[in-house]
């Protein structure tokens, strides 16, 4: 009984983050198909509106084994929904300016993120970590098409 009470006291003294979900850290190459799967880009999937011009974006295969994974991914925010102070959905991209200043990357290098609570994004040119559940669901948007979706739980500065 003493051991059980001691264990309970230790668990209660731990910060909640110690008991939280462990997120798998993914880097952008991790979103590309693994060996044995096709890594080839397919024909352009659709025209997207890029600064008033229709351009074609490459479709890339996704990794089905990443579906429903709790992950964290670093990247840059391209706002989709929000206002001047907060963002509620965005495209997460691997490099600054993707989908805005240059043609979009292949769809398997873009994650469409939706947040249950909008977050303040003070400096969009700074990289962020996005935590959440990754899905292998394609999304079409006028800026770019994404091969992945994420239900974002947390966004924090990349350090």
N, C-alpha and C. Protein backbone atom coordinates (compact mmCIF):
# COMPACT_ATOMS: atom_id res chain seq x y z
N UNK A 1 0.82 -1.19 0.00
CA UNK A 1 0.00 0.00 0.00
C UNK A 1 0.87 1.26 0.00
N UNK A 2 1.99 1.20 0.76
CA UNK A 2 2.89 2.35 0.80
C UNK A 2 3.46 2.63 -0.59
N UNK A 3 3.82 1.57 -1.31
CA UNK A 3 4.38 1.74 -2.66
C UNK A 3 3.36 2.38 -3.59
N UNK A 4 2.12 1.95 -3.50
CA UNK A 4 1.07 2.51 -4.34
C UNK A 4 0.88 3.99 -4.04
N UNK A 5 0.86 4.36 -2.78
CA UNK A 5 0.72 5.77 -2.40
C UNK A 5 1.93 6.59 -2.85
N UNK A 6 3.11 6.01 -2.74
CA UNK A 6 4.33 6.70 -3.20
C UNK A 6 4.28 6.92 -4.71
N UNK A 7 3.89 5.90 -5.47
CA UNK A 7 3.78 6.02 -6.92
C UNK A 7 2.74 7.08 -7.29
N UNK A 8 1.61 7.08 -6.61
CA UNK A 8 0.57 8.07 -6.87
C UNK A 8 1.08 9.48 -6.56
N UNK A 9 1.81 9.64 -5.48
CA UNK A 9 2.37 10.95 -5.12
C UNK A 9 3.37 11.42 -6.17
N UNK A 10 4.18 10.52 -6.70
CA UNK A 10 5.15 10.88 -7.73
C UNK A 10 4.44 11.29 -9.01
N UNK A 11 3.44 10.51 -9.43
CA UNK A 11 2.70 10.84 -10.64
C UNK A 11 1.98 12.18 -10.53
N UNK A 12 1.41 12.46 -9.38
CA UNK A 12 0.70 13.72 -9.19
C UNK A 12 1.65 14.91 -9.16
N UNK A 13 2.90 14.69 -8.79
CA UNK A 13 3.86 15.79 -8.72
C UNK A 13 4.49 16.11 -10.08
N UNK A 14 4.34 15.21 -11.05
CA UNK A 14 4.91 15.45 -12.37
C UNK A 14 4.12 16.53 -13.10
N UNK A 15 4.81 17.35 -13.88
CA UNK A 15 4.07 18.31 -14.70
C UNK A 15 3.21 17.57 -15.72
N UNK A 16 2.10 18.17 -16.13
CA UNK A 16 1.20 17.49 -17.06
C UNK A 16 1.89 17.17 -18.37
N UNK A 17 2.90 17.97 -18.76
CA UNK A 17 3.59 17.68 -20.02
C UNK A 17 4.33 16.36 -19.96
N UNK A 18 4.71 15.92 -18.76
CA UNK A 18 5.41 14.64 -18.63
C UNK A 18 4.46 13.48 -18.91
N UNK A 19 3.16 13.71 -18.73
CA UNK A 19 2.18 12.66 -18.96
C UNK A 19 1.49 12.82 -20.32
N UNK A 20 1.89 13.82 -21.08
CA UNK A 20 1.23 14.14 -22.34
C UNK A 20 1.64 13.17 -23.44
N UNK A 21 0.96 13.32 -24.56
CA UNK A 21 1.24 12.52 -25.75
C UNK A 21 2.66 12.80 -26.23
N UNK A 22 3.33 11.76 -26.66
CA UNK A 22 4.63 11.95 -27.28
C UNK A 22 4.42 12.07 -28.78
N UNK A 23 4.92 13.15 -29.34
CA UNK A 23 4.76 13.41 -30.77
C UNK A 23 6.00 12.94 -31.52
N UNK A 24 5.77 12.27 -32.64
CA UNK A 24 6.86 11.85 -33.51
C UNK A 24 7.31 13.08 -34.30
N UNK A 25 8.60 13.38 -34.25
CA UNK A 25 9.14 14.50 -35.01
C UNK A 25 9.36 14.06 -36.46
N UNK A 26 8.75 14.80 -37.37
CA UNK A 26 8.93 14.54 -38.80
C UNK A 26 9.66 15.71 -39.43
N UNK A 27 10.52 15.38 -40.37
CA UNK A 27 11.14 16.39 -41.22
C UNK A 27 10.52 16.22 -42.59
N UNK A 28 10.67 17.21 -43.44
CA UNK A 28 9.99 17.18 -44.74
C UNK A 28 10.34 15.96 -45.59
N UNK A 29 11.58 15.49 -45.62
CA UNK A 29 11.85 14.26 -46.40
C UNK A 29 11.08 13.05 -45.87
N UNK A 30 10.70 13.07 -44.57
CA UNK A 30 9.94 11.96 -44.00
C UNK A 30 8.54 11.83 -44.61
N UNK A 31 8.05 12.90 -45.24
CA UNK A 31 6.72 12.87 -45.85
C UNK A 31 6.73 12.24 -47.25
N UNK A 32 7.93 12.04 -47.79
CA UNK A 32 8.05 11.40 -49.10
C UNK A 32 7.90 9.90 -48.95
N UNK A 33 7.43 9.22 -49.98
CA UNK A 33 7.27 7.76 -49.91
C UNK A 33 8.58 7.06 -49.54
N UNK A 34 8.46 5.98 -48.80
CA UNK A 34 9.62 5.20 -48.39
C UNK A 34 9.99 4.24 -49.52
N UNK A 35 11.10 3.53 -49.37
CA UNK A 35 11.51 2.59 -50.41
C UNK A 35 10.42 1.55 -50.61
N UNK A 36 10.25 1.16 -51.83
CA UNK A 36 9.20 0.21 -52.17
C UNK A 36 7.93 0.91 -52.64
N UNK A 37 7.84 2.21 -52.39
CA UNK A 37 6.71 2.99 -52.89
C UNK A 37 7.24 3.91 -53.97
N UNK A 38 6.37 4.36 -54.83
CA UNK A 38 6.77 5.28 -55.89
C UNK A 38 7.08 6.64 -55.31
N UNK A 39 8.23 7.18 -55.63
CA UNK A 39 8.61 8.52 -55.20
C UNK A 39 8.49 9.50 -56.36
N UNK A 40 7.99 9.03 -57.47
CA UNK A 40 7.89 9.88 -58.64
C UNK A 40 6.70 10.82 -58.51
N UNK A 41 6.91 12.04 -58.93
CA UNK A 41 5.78 12.95 -59.01
C UNK A 41 4.94 12.52 -60.20
N UNK A 42 3.64 12.63 -60.03
CA UNK A 42 2.74 12.30 -61.12
C UNK A 42 2.56 13.53 -61.98
N UNK A 43 1.72 13.41 -62.98
CA UNK A 43 1.45 14.55 -63.83
C UNK A 43 0.92 15.69 -62.96
N UNK A 44 1.00 16.91 -63.45
CA UNK A 44 0.45 18.01 -62.67
C UNK A 44 -1.00 17.72 -62.32
N UNK A 45 -1.36 17.95 -61.05
CA UNK A 45 -2.70 17.58 -60.62
C UNK A 45 -3.73 18.64 -60.94
N UNK A 46 -3.37 19.91 -60.84
CA UNK A 46 -4.37 20.95 -61.10
C UNK A 46 -3.68 22.29 -61.19
N UNK A 47 -4.39 23.20 -61.79
CA UNK A 47 -3.90 24.57 -61.82
C UNK A 47 -4.27 25.23 -60.50
N UNK A 48 -3.33 25.96 -59.94
CA UNK A 48 -3.61 26.75 -58.74
C UNK A 48 -3.37 28.20 -59.06
N UNK A 49 -4.06 29.08 -58.35
CA UNK A 49 -3.95 30.51 -58.58
C UNK A 49 -2.70 31.01 -57.87
N UNK A 50 -1.72 31.42 -58.61
CA UNK A 50 -0.47 31.89 -58.04
C UNK A 50 -0.25 33.34 -58.45
N UNK A 51 -0.56 34.24 -57.53
CA UNK A 51 -0.42 35.67 -57.81
C UNK A 51 -1.18 36.07 -59.07
N UNK A 52 -2.41 35.58 -59.20
CA UNK A 52 -3.23 35.94 -60.34
C UNK A 52 -2.98 35.11 -61.59
N UNK A 53 -2.02 34.19 -61.56
CA UNK A 53 -1.72 33.34 -62.71
C UNK A 53 -2.05 31.89 -62.36
N UNK A 54 -2.56 31.17 -63.33
CA UNK A 54 -2.81 29.75 -63.13
C UNK A 54 -1.51 29.00 -63.43
N UNK A 55 -1.03 28.23 -62.46
CA UNK A 55 0.16 27.42 -62.67
C UNK A 55 -0.17 25.97 -62.32
N UNK A 56 0.61 25.05 -62.83
CA UNK A 56 0.40 23.64 -62.52
C UNK A 56 1.30 23.24 -61.37
N UNK A 57 0.77 22.42 -60.50
CA UNK A 57 1.52 21.93 -59.34
C UNK A 57 1.66 20.43 -59.46
N UNK A 58 2.84 19.91 -59.12
CA UNK A 58 3.07 18.47 -59.17
C UNK A 58 2.35 17.76 -58.04
N UNK A 59 1.80 16.61 -58.36
CA UNK A 59 1.19 15.77 -57.34
C UNK A 59 2.24 14.76 -56.90
N UNK A 60 2.40 14.60 -55.61
CA UNK A 60 3.35 13.63 -55.09
C UNK A 60 2.65 12.59 -54.24
N UNK A 61 3.16 11.37 -54.25
CA UNK A 61 2.59 10.30 -53.44
C UNK A 61 2.83 10.59 -51.96
N UNK A 62 1.89 10.15 -51.13
CA UNK A 62 2.02 10.34 -49.69
C UNK A 62 2.34 9.00 -49.02
N UNK A 63 2.74 9.07 -47.78
CA UNK A 63 3.03 7.86 -47.00
C UNK A 63 1.79 7.47 -46.20
N UNK A 64 1.12 6.43 -46.64
CA UNK A 64 -0.11 5.98 -45.97
C UNK A 64 0.15 5.57 -44.53
N UNK A 65 1.36 5.12 -44.21
CA UNK A 65 1.67 4.68 -42.84
C UNK A 65 1.71 5.85 -41.85
N UNK A 66 1.70 7.08 -42.34
CA UNK A 66 1.71 8.24 -41.43
C UNK A 66 0.30 8.68 -41.05
N UNK A 67 -0.73 8.07 -41.65
CA UNK A 67 -2.11 8.46 -41.36
C UNK A 67 -2.42 8.21 -39.89
N UNK A 68 -3.05 9.22 -39.26
CA UNK A 68 -3.49 9.16 -37.86
C UNK A 68 -2.34 9.22 -36.84
N UNK A 69 -1.16 9.58 -37.26
CA UNK A 69 -0.02 9.69 -36.34
C UNK A 69 -0.02 11.03 -35.61
N UNK A 70 0.40 10.99 -34.36
CA UNK A 70 0.61 12.21 -33.57
C UNK A 70 2.03 12.68 -33.90
N UNK A 71 2.13 13.85 -34.55
CA UNK A 71 3.43 14.31 -35.05
C UNK A 71 3.66 15.77 -34.72
N UNK A 72 4.91 16.16 -34.86
CA UNK A 72 5.26 17.58 -34.88
C UNK A 72 6.13 17.79 -36.11
N UNK A 73 5.86 18.90 -36.82
CA UNK A 73 6.55 19.18 -38.08
C UNK A 73 6.96 20.65 -38.07
N UNK A 74 8.22 20.94 -38.43
CA UNK A 74 8.61 22.35 -38.53
C UNK A 74 8.26 22.88 -39.91
N UNK A 75 8.03 24.17 -40.00
CA UNK A 75 7.76 24.74 -41.31
C UNK A 75 7.35 26.19 -41.22
N UNK A 76 6.82 26.67 -42.32
CA UNK A 76 6.41 28.07 -42.45
C UNK A 76 4.92 28.13 -42.74
N UNK A 77 4.28 29.16 -42.21
CA UNK A 77 2.84 29.33 -42.31
C UNK A 77 2.46 30.16 -43.53
N UNK A 78 1.53 29.64 -44.31
CA UNK A 78 0.89 30.40 -45.39
C UNK A 78 -0.59 30.46 -44.99
N UNK A 79 -1.05 31.60 -44.46
CA UNK A 79 -2.42 31.68 -43.93
C UNK A 79 -3.48 31.38 -44.98
N UNK A 80 -4.52 30.67 -44.55
CA UNK A 80 -5.68 30.39 -45.39
C UNK A 80 -6.90 31.10 -44.80
N UNK A 81 -7.17 30.88 -43.51
CA UNK A 81 -8.30 31.52 -42.83
C UNK A 81 -7.81 32.20 -41.56
N UNK A 82 -8.33 33.37 -41.32
CA UNK A 82 -7.99 34.12 -40.12
C UNK A 82 -8.16 35.60 -40.36
N UNK A 83 -7.53 36.37 -39.51
CA UNK A 83 -7.58 37.83 -39.66
C UNK A 83 -6.18 38.40 -39.44
N UNK A 84 -6.09 39.68 -39.18
CA UNK A 84 -4.77 40.31 -39.03
C UNK A 84 -4.00 39.81 -37.82
N UNK A 85 -4.71 39.29 -36.83
CA UNK A 85 -4.06 38.91 -35.57
C UNK A 85 -3.94 37.40 -35.36
N UNK A 86 -4.88 36.64 -35.92
CA UNK A 86 -4.88 35.20 -35.67
C UNK A 86 -5.09 34.42 -36.97
N UNK A 87 -4.74 33.15 -36.90
CA UNK A 87 -4.90 32.23 -38.02
C UNK A 87 -5.62 31.00 -37.50
N UNK A 88 -6.63 30.53 -38.25
CA UNK A 88 -7.35 29.32 -37.84
C UNK A 88 -7.07 28.14 -38.77
N UNK A 89 -6.61 28.42 -39.98
CA UNK A 89 -6.15 27.35 -40.88
C UNK A 89 -5.06 27.93 -41.77
N UNK A 90 -4.14 27.06 -42.16
CA UNK A 90 -3.01 27.50 -42.97
C UNK A 90 -2.37 26.34 -43.68
N UNK A 91 -1.56 26.65 -44.67
CA UNK A 91 -0.72 25.66 -45.32
C UNK A 91 0.63 25.69 -44.62
N UNK A 92 1.12 24.54 -44.20
CA UNK A 92 2.46 24.44 -43.63
C UNK A 92 3.37 23.98 -44.76
N UNK A 93 4.42 24.76 -45.00
CA UNK A 93 5.31 24.50 -46.13
C UNK A 93 6.75 24.43 -45.63
N UNK A 94 7.63 23.78 -46.41
CA UNK A 94 9.00 23.55 -45.94
C UNK A 94 9.94 24.74 -46.04
N UNK A 95 9.59 25.75 -46.82
CA UNK A 95 10.51 26.88 -46.95
C UNK A 95 9.73 28.18 -47.05
N UNK A 96 10.37 29.25 -46.64
CA UNK A 96 9.74 30.56 -46.64
C UNK A 96 9.36 30.98 -48.06
N UNK A 97 8.15 31.50 -48.20
CA UNK A 97 7.71 32.01 -49.50
C UNK A 97 7.03 30.99 -50.38
N UNK A 98 7.03 29.72 -50.00
CA UNK A 98 6.37 28.70 -50.82
C UNK A 98 4.89 29.05 -50.95
N UNK A 99 4.36 28.92 -52.13
CA UNK A 99 2.96 29.19 -52.47
C UNK A 99 2.66 30.68 -52.60
N UNK A 100 3.57 31.53 -52.22
CA UNK A 100 3.33 32.97 -52.30
C UNK A 100 4.28 33.59 -53.33
N UNK A 101 5.58 33.43 -53.12
CA UNK A 101 6.57 34.08 -53.97
C UNK A 101 7.14 33.18 -55.06
N UNK A 102 6.95 31.89 -54.91
CA UNK A 102 7.48 30.93 -55.88
C UNK A 102 6.40 29.88 -56.13
N UNK A 103 6.52 29.11 -57.19
CA UNK A 103 5.53 28.03 -57.40
C UNK A 103 5.49 27.10 -56.19
N UNK A 104 4.33 26.51 -55.91
CA UNK A 104 4.22 25.64 -54.74
C UNK A 104 5.03 24.36 -54.90
N UNK A 105 5.48 23.81 -53.77
CA UNK A 105 6.15 22.51 -53.82
C UNK A 105 5.15 21.43 -54.22
N UNK A 106 5.63 20.21 -54.48
CA UNK A 106 4.71 19.10 -54.76
C UNK A 106 3.72 18.94 -53.59
N UNK A 107 2.57 18.39 -53.87
CA UNK A 107 1.52 18.29 -52.86
C UNK A 107 1.94 17.47 -51.64
N UNK A 108 2.88 16.52 -51.79
CA UNK A 108 3.32 15.74 -50.63
C UNK A 108 4.32 16.51 -49.76
N UNK A 109 4.54 17.77 -50.08
CA UNK A 109 5.41 18.64 -49.27
C UNK A 109 4.62 19.83 -48.74
N UNK A 110 3.30 19.68 -48.66
CA UNK A 110 2.42 20.71 -48.12
C UNK A 110 1.42 20.04 -47.18
N UNK A 111 1.22 20.63 -46.01
CA UNK A 111 0.24 20.13 -45.04
C UNK A 111 -0.80 21.22 -44.81
N UNK A 112 -2.05 20.87 -45.01
CA UNK A 112 -3.15 21.80 -44.70
C UNK A 112 -3.52 21.61 -43.24
N UNK A 113 -3.33 22.66 -42.44
CA UNK A 113 -3.53 22.58 -40.98
C UNK A 113 -4.78 23.35 -40.60
N UNK A 114 -5.65 22.70 -39.82
CA UNK A 114 -6.80 23.38 -39.23
C UNK A 114 -6.63 23.34 -37.71
N UNK A 115 -7.00 24.43 -37.08
CA UNK A 115 -6.87 24.56 -35.63
C UNK A 115 -8.25 24.71 -35.00
N UNK A 116 -8.48 24.07 -33.86
CA UNK A 116 -9.76 24.23 -33.19
C UNK A 116 -9.86 25.62 -32.56
N UNK A 117 -8.74 26.17 -32.14
CA UNK A 117 -8.67 27.52 -31.59
C UNK A 117 -7.66 28.32 -32.41
N UNK A 118 -8.04 29.48 -32.93
CA UNK A 118 -7.07 30.29 -33.69
C UNK A 118 -5.85 30.63 -32.83
N UNK A 119 -4.73 30.77 -33.49
CA UNK A 119 -3.49 31.15 -32.80
C UNK A 119 -2.96 32.45 -33.39
N UNK A 120 -2.27 33.19 -32.55
CA UNK A 120 -1.61 34.41 -33.02
C UNK A 120 -0.34 34.01 -33.74
N UNK A 121 -0.16 34.55 -34.89
CA UNK A 121 1.08 34.31 -35.63
C UNK A 121 1.68 35.68 -35.86
N UNK A 122 2.58 36.07 -34.93
CA UNK A 122 3.13 37.41 -34.94
C UNK A 122 4.04 37.67 -36.13
N UNK A 123 4.88 36.71 -36.44
CA UNK A 123 5.84 36.92 -37.51
C UNK A 123 5.82 35.70 -38.43
N UNK A 124 5.09 35.83 -39.51
CA UNK A 124 4.89 34.69 -40.40
C UNK A 124 6.16 34.24 -41.09
N UNK A 125 7.18 35.07 -41.10
CA UNK A 125 8.41 34.67 -41.77
C UNK A 125 9.29 33.79 -40.89
N UNK A 126 8.91 33.65 -39.61
CA UNK A 126 9.66 32.77 -38.72
C UNK A 126 9.11 31.35 -38.78
N UNK A 127 9.99 30.38 -38.66
CA UNK A 127 9.58 28.98 -38.67
C UNK A 127 8.86 28.64 -37.37
N UNK A 128 7.95 27.67 -37.46
CA UNK A 128 7.18 27.21 -36.31
C UNK A 128 7.21 25.68 -36.26
N UNK A 129 6.90 25.15 -35.08
CA UNK A 129 6.59 23.73 -34.92
C UNK A 129 5.08 23.64 -34.88
N UNK A 130 4.51 22.68 -35.59
CA UNK A 130 3.08 22.43 -35.50
C UNK A 130 2.90 21.00 -34.98
N UNK A 131 2.09 20.86 -33.93
CA UNK A 131 1.81 19.58 -33.30
C UNK A 131 0.37 19.19 -33.61
N UNK A 132 0.14 17.91 -33.89
CA UNK A 132 -1.23 17.47 -34.11
C UNK A 132 -1.30 16.09 -34.73
N UNK A 133 -2.49 15.75 -35.19
CA UNK A 133 -2.75 14.46 -35.81
C UNK A 133 -2.68 14.61 -37.32
N UNK A 134 -1.79 13.86 -37.94
CA UNK A 134 -1.58 13.93 -39.38
C UNK A 134 -2.54 12.97 -40.09
N UNK A 135 -3.08 13.43 -41.21
CA UNK A 135 -3.97 12.61 -42.04
C UNK A 135 -3.47 12.63 -43.48
N UNK A 136 -3.62 11.52 -44.16
CA UNK A 136 -3.21 11.43 -45.57
C UNK A 136 -4.41 11.74 -46.47
N UNK A 137 -4.94 12.93 -46.29
CA UNK A 137 -6.10 13.39 -47.04
C UNK A 137 -5.70 14.58 -47.88
N UNK A 138 -6.00 14.53 -49.15
CA UNK A 138 -5.67 15.64 -50.05
C UNK A 138 -6.67 16.78 -49.88
N UNK A 139 -6.15 18.00 -50.01
CA UNK A 139 -6.98 19.20 -49.94
C UNK A 139 -6.61 20.11 -51.09
N UNK A 140 -7.62 20.68 -51.71
CA UNK A 140 -7.39 21.64 -52.79
C UNK A 140 -7.69 23.04 -52.28
N UNK A 141 -6.80 23.94 -52.58
CA UNK A 141 -6.98 25.35 -52.24
C UNK A 141 -6.45 26.16 -53.42
N UNK A 142 -6.92 27.38 -53.56
CA UNK A 142 -6.47 28.18 -54.71
C UNK A 142 -4.97 28.46 -54.68
N UNK A 143 -4.33 28.46 -53.48
CA UNK A 143 -2.89 28.70 -53.40
C UNK A 143 -2.08 27.46 -53.77
N UNK A 144 -2.56 26.30 -53.33
CA UNK A 144 -1.84 25.05 -53.58
C UNK A 144 -2.70 23.89 -53.14
N UNK A 145 -2.34 22.71 -53.61
CA UNK A 145 -2.98 21.47 -53.18
C UNK A 145 -2.04 20.79 -52.20
N UNK A 146 -2.62 20.19 -51.16
CA UNK A 146 -1.79 19.51 -50.16
C UNK A 146 -2.09 18.02 -50.18
N UNK A 147 -1.06 17.23 -49.92
CA UNK A 147 -1.21 15.79 -49.84
C UNK A 147 -1.57 15.32 -48.45
N UNK A 148 -1.37 16.19 -47.47
CA UNK A 148 -1.62 15.86 -46.07
C UNK A 148 -2.52 16.92 -45.44
N UNK A 149 -3.23 16.50 -44.40
CA UNK A 149 -3.97 17.41 -43.53
C UNK A 149 -3.52 17.16 -42.11
N UNK A 150 -3.65 18.17 -41.27
CA UNK A 150 -3.34 18.00 -39.86
C UNK A 150 -4.36 18.75 -39.03
N UNK A 151 -4.89 18.07 -38.02
CA UNK A 151 -5.69 18.75 -37.01
C UNK A 151 -4.69 19.25 -35.98
N UNK A 152 -4.38 20.54 -36.06
CA UNK A 152 -3.35 21.12 -35.21
C UNK A 152 -3.81 21.31 -33.78
N UNK A 153 -2.95 20.94 -32.86
CA UNK A 153 -3.21 21.09 -31.44
C UNK A 153 -2.45 22.29 -30.88
N UNK A 154 -1.22 22.46 -31.39
CA UNK A 154 -0.35 23.50 -30.83
C UNK A 154 0.59 24.00 -31.91
N UNK A 155 0.86 25.32 -31.87
CA UNK A 155 1.84 25.94 -32.74
C UNK A 155 2.79 26.71 -31.85
N UNK A 156 4.09 26.48 -32.03
CA UNK A 156 5.07 27.21 -31.22
C UNK A 156 6.27 27.56 -32.07
N UNK A 157 7.04 28.52 -31.59
CA UNK A 157 8.24 28.97 -32.33
C UNK A 157 9.23 27.82 -32.50
N UNK A 158 9.84 27.79 -33.65
CA UNK A 158 10.86 26.80 -33.95
C UNK A 158 12.17 27.26 -33.34
N UNK A 159 12.74 26.42 -32.54
CA UNK A 159 14.04 26.76 -31.93
C UNK A 159 14.97 25.59 -31.99
